[in-house]
Amino acid sequence: MTTVVRESGESFDSLFRRFRKNVQQERILSEVRRRRFYEKPSQIRKRKAAKKRVKSRRTTLKMLRRNY
């Protein structure tokens, strides 16, 4: 749970900006979006494997570009 303590003389806008920044840093919204619908364990494995493939492809391309 993200909490932000209001300082004396602080405007609502700056308080809200600090709150949004904290929420973004703690990745709360992405977690909520991910948990919005149930995902079967097989779907989780497939998603993670696809993410790994993309990441390895990206690093491979990066290394190939450095060698040229």
C-alpha atoms as a PDB file:
ATOM      1  CA  MET A   1       0.000   0.000   0.000  1.00  0.00           C
ATOM      2  CA  THR A   2       1.457   3.305  -1.085  1.00  0.00           C
ATOM      3  CA  THR A   3       1.130   6.192   1.321  1.00  0.00           C
ATOM      4  CA  VAL A   4       2.257   9.778   0.980  1.00  0.00           C
ATOM      5  CA  VAL A   5       2.352  12.119   3.976  1.00  0.00           C
ATOM      6  CA  ARG A   6       1.325  15.680   3.274  1.00  0.00           C
ATOM      7  CA  GLU A   7       3.881  18.271   4.231  1.00  0.00           C
ATOM      8  CA  SER A   8       2.779  21.608   5.678  1.00  0.00           C
ATOM      9  CA  GLY A   9       1.833  24.083   2.977  1.00  0.00           C
ATOM     10  CA  GLU A  10       2.006  21.475   0.210  1.00  0.00           C
ATOM     11  CA  SER A  11      -0.533  21.791  -2.569  1.00  0.00           C
ATOM     12  CA  PHE A  12      -2.761  18.927  -3.602  1.00  0.00           C
ATOM     13  CA  ASP A  13      -1.179  18.867  -7.056  1.00  0.00           C
ATOM     14  CA  SER A  14       2.347  18.276  -5.762  1.00  0.00           C
ATOM     15  CA  LEU A  15       1.045  15.692  -3.284  1.00  0.00           C
ATOM     16  CA  PHE A  16      -0.763  13.866  -6.076  1.00  0.00           C
ATOM     17  CA  ARG A  17       2.347  14.016  -8.292  1.00  0.00           C
ATOM     18  CA  ARG A  18       4.440  12.412  -5.521  1.00  0.00           C
ATOM     19  CA  PHE A  19       1.777   9.735  -5.031  1.00  0.00           C
ATOM     20  CA  ARG A  20       1.672   8.873  -8.750  1.00  0.00           C
ATOM     21  CA  LYS A  21       5.468   8.717  -8.857  1.00  0.00           C
ATOM     22  CA  ASN A  22       5.527   6.312  -5.892  1.00  0.00           C
ATOM     23  CA  VAL A  23       2.850   4.131  -7.485  1.00  0.00           C
ATOM     24  CA  GLN A  24       4.829   4.012 -10.722  1.00  0.00           C
ATOM     25  CA  GLN A  25       8.094   3.161  -8.957  1.00  0.00           C
ATOM     26  CA  GLU A  26       6.460   0.330  -7.011  1.00  0.00           C
ATOM     27  CA  ARG A  27       4.887  -0.987 -10.250  1.00  0.00           C
ATOM     28  CA  ILE A  28       1.462  -1.280  -8.652  1.00  0.00           C
ATOM     29  CA  LEU A  29      -0.552  -0.530 -11.791  1.00  0.00           C
ATOM     30  CA  SER A  30       1.311  -3.069 -13.895  1.00  0.00           C
ATOM     31  CA  GLU A  31       0.709  -5.670 -11.185  1.00  0.00           C
ATOM     32  CA  VAL A  32      -3.000  -4.829 -11.092  1.00  0.00           C
ATOM     33  CA  ARG A  33      -3.266  -5.116 -14.881  1.00  0.00           C
ATOM     34  CA  ARG A  34      -1.435  -8.434 -14.813  1.00  0.00           C
ATOM     35  CA  ARG A  35      -3.725  -9.860 -12.122  1.00  0.00           C
ATOM     36  CA  ARG A  36      -6.928  -8.524 -13.641  1.00  0.00           C
ATOM     37  CA  PHE A  37      -7.733 -11.877 -15.240  1.00  0.00           C
ATOM     38  CA  TYR A  38      -6.684 -15.354 -14.185  1.00  0.00           C
ATOM     39  CA  GLU A  39      -3.782 -16.698 -16.177  1.00  0.00           C
ATOM     40  CA  LYS A  40      -3.241 -20.435 -16.348  1.00  0.00           C
ATOM     41  CA  PRO A  41       0.216 -21.721 -15.368  1.00  0.00           C
ATOM     42  CA  SER A  42       0.819 -22.894 -18.944  1.00  0.00           C
ATOM     43  CA  GLN A  43       0.059 -19.379 -20.221  1.00  0.00           C
ATOM     44  CA  ILE A  44       2.493 -17.921 -17.694  1.00  0.00           C
ATOM     45  CA  ARG A  45       5.235 -20.305 -18.899  1.00  0.00           C
ATOM     46  CA  LYS A  46       4.546 -19.420 -22.543  1.00  0.00           C
ATOM     47  CA  ARG A  47       4.619 -15.675 -21.824  1.00  0.00           C
ATOM     48  CA  LYS A  48       7.903 -15.959 -19.907  1.00  0.00           C
ATOM     49  CA  ALA A  49       9.482 -18.112 -22.626  1.00  0.00           C
ATOM     50  CA  ALA A  50       8.464 -15.595 -25.309  1.00  0.00           C
ATOM     51  CA  LYS A  51       9.921 -12.779 -23.226  1.00  0.00           C
ATOM     52  CA  LYS A  52      13.192 -14.707 -22.870  1.00  0.00           C
ATOM     53  CA  ARG A  53      13.348 -15.298 -26.634  1.00  0.00           C
ATOM     54  CA  VAL A  54      12.890 -11.602 -27.351  1.00  0.00           C
ATOM     55  CA  LYS A  55      15.516 -10.652 -24.793  1.00  0.00           C
ATOM     56  CA  SER A  56      18.075 -13.145 -26.071  1.00  0.00           C
ATOM     57  CA  ARG A  57      17.445 -12.053 -29.664  1.00  0.00           C
ATOM     58  CA  ARG A  58      17.977  -8.442 -28.634  1.00  0.00           C
ATOM     59  CA  THR A  59      21.263  -9.165 -26.833  1.00  0.00           C
ATOM     60  CA  THR A  60      22.487 -11.305 -29.726  1.00  0.00           C
ATOM     61  CA  LEU A  61      21.806  -8.525 -32.214  1.00  0.00           C
ATOM     62  CA  LYS A  62      23.501  -6.035 -29.924  1.00  0.00           C
ATOM     63  CA  MET A  63      26.627  -8.199 -29.733  1.00  0.00           C
ATOM     64  CA  LEU A  64      26.666  -8.707 -33.521  1.00  0.00           C
ATOM     65  CA  ARG A  65      26.495  -4.965 -34.089  1.00  0.00           C
ATOM     66  CA  ARG A  66      29.438  -4.390 -31.762  1.00  0.00           C
ATOM     67  CA  ASN A  67      31.622  -6.848 -33.668  1.00  0.00           C
ATOM     68  CA  TYR A  68      31.138  -5.041 -36.989  1.00  0.00           C
END
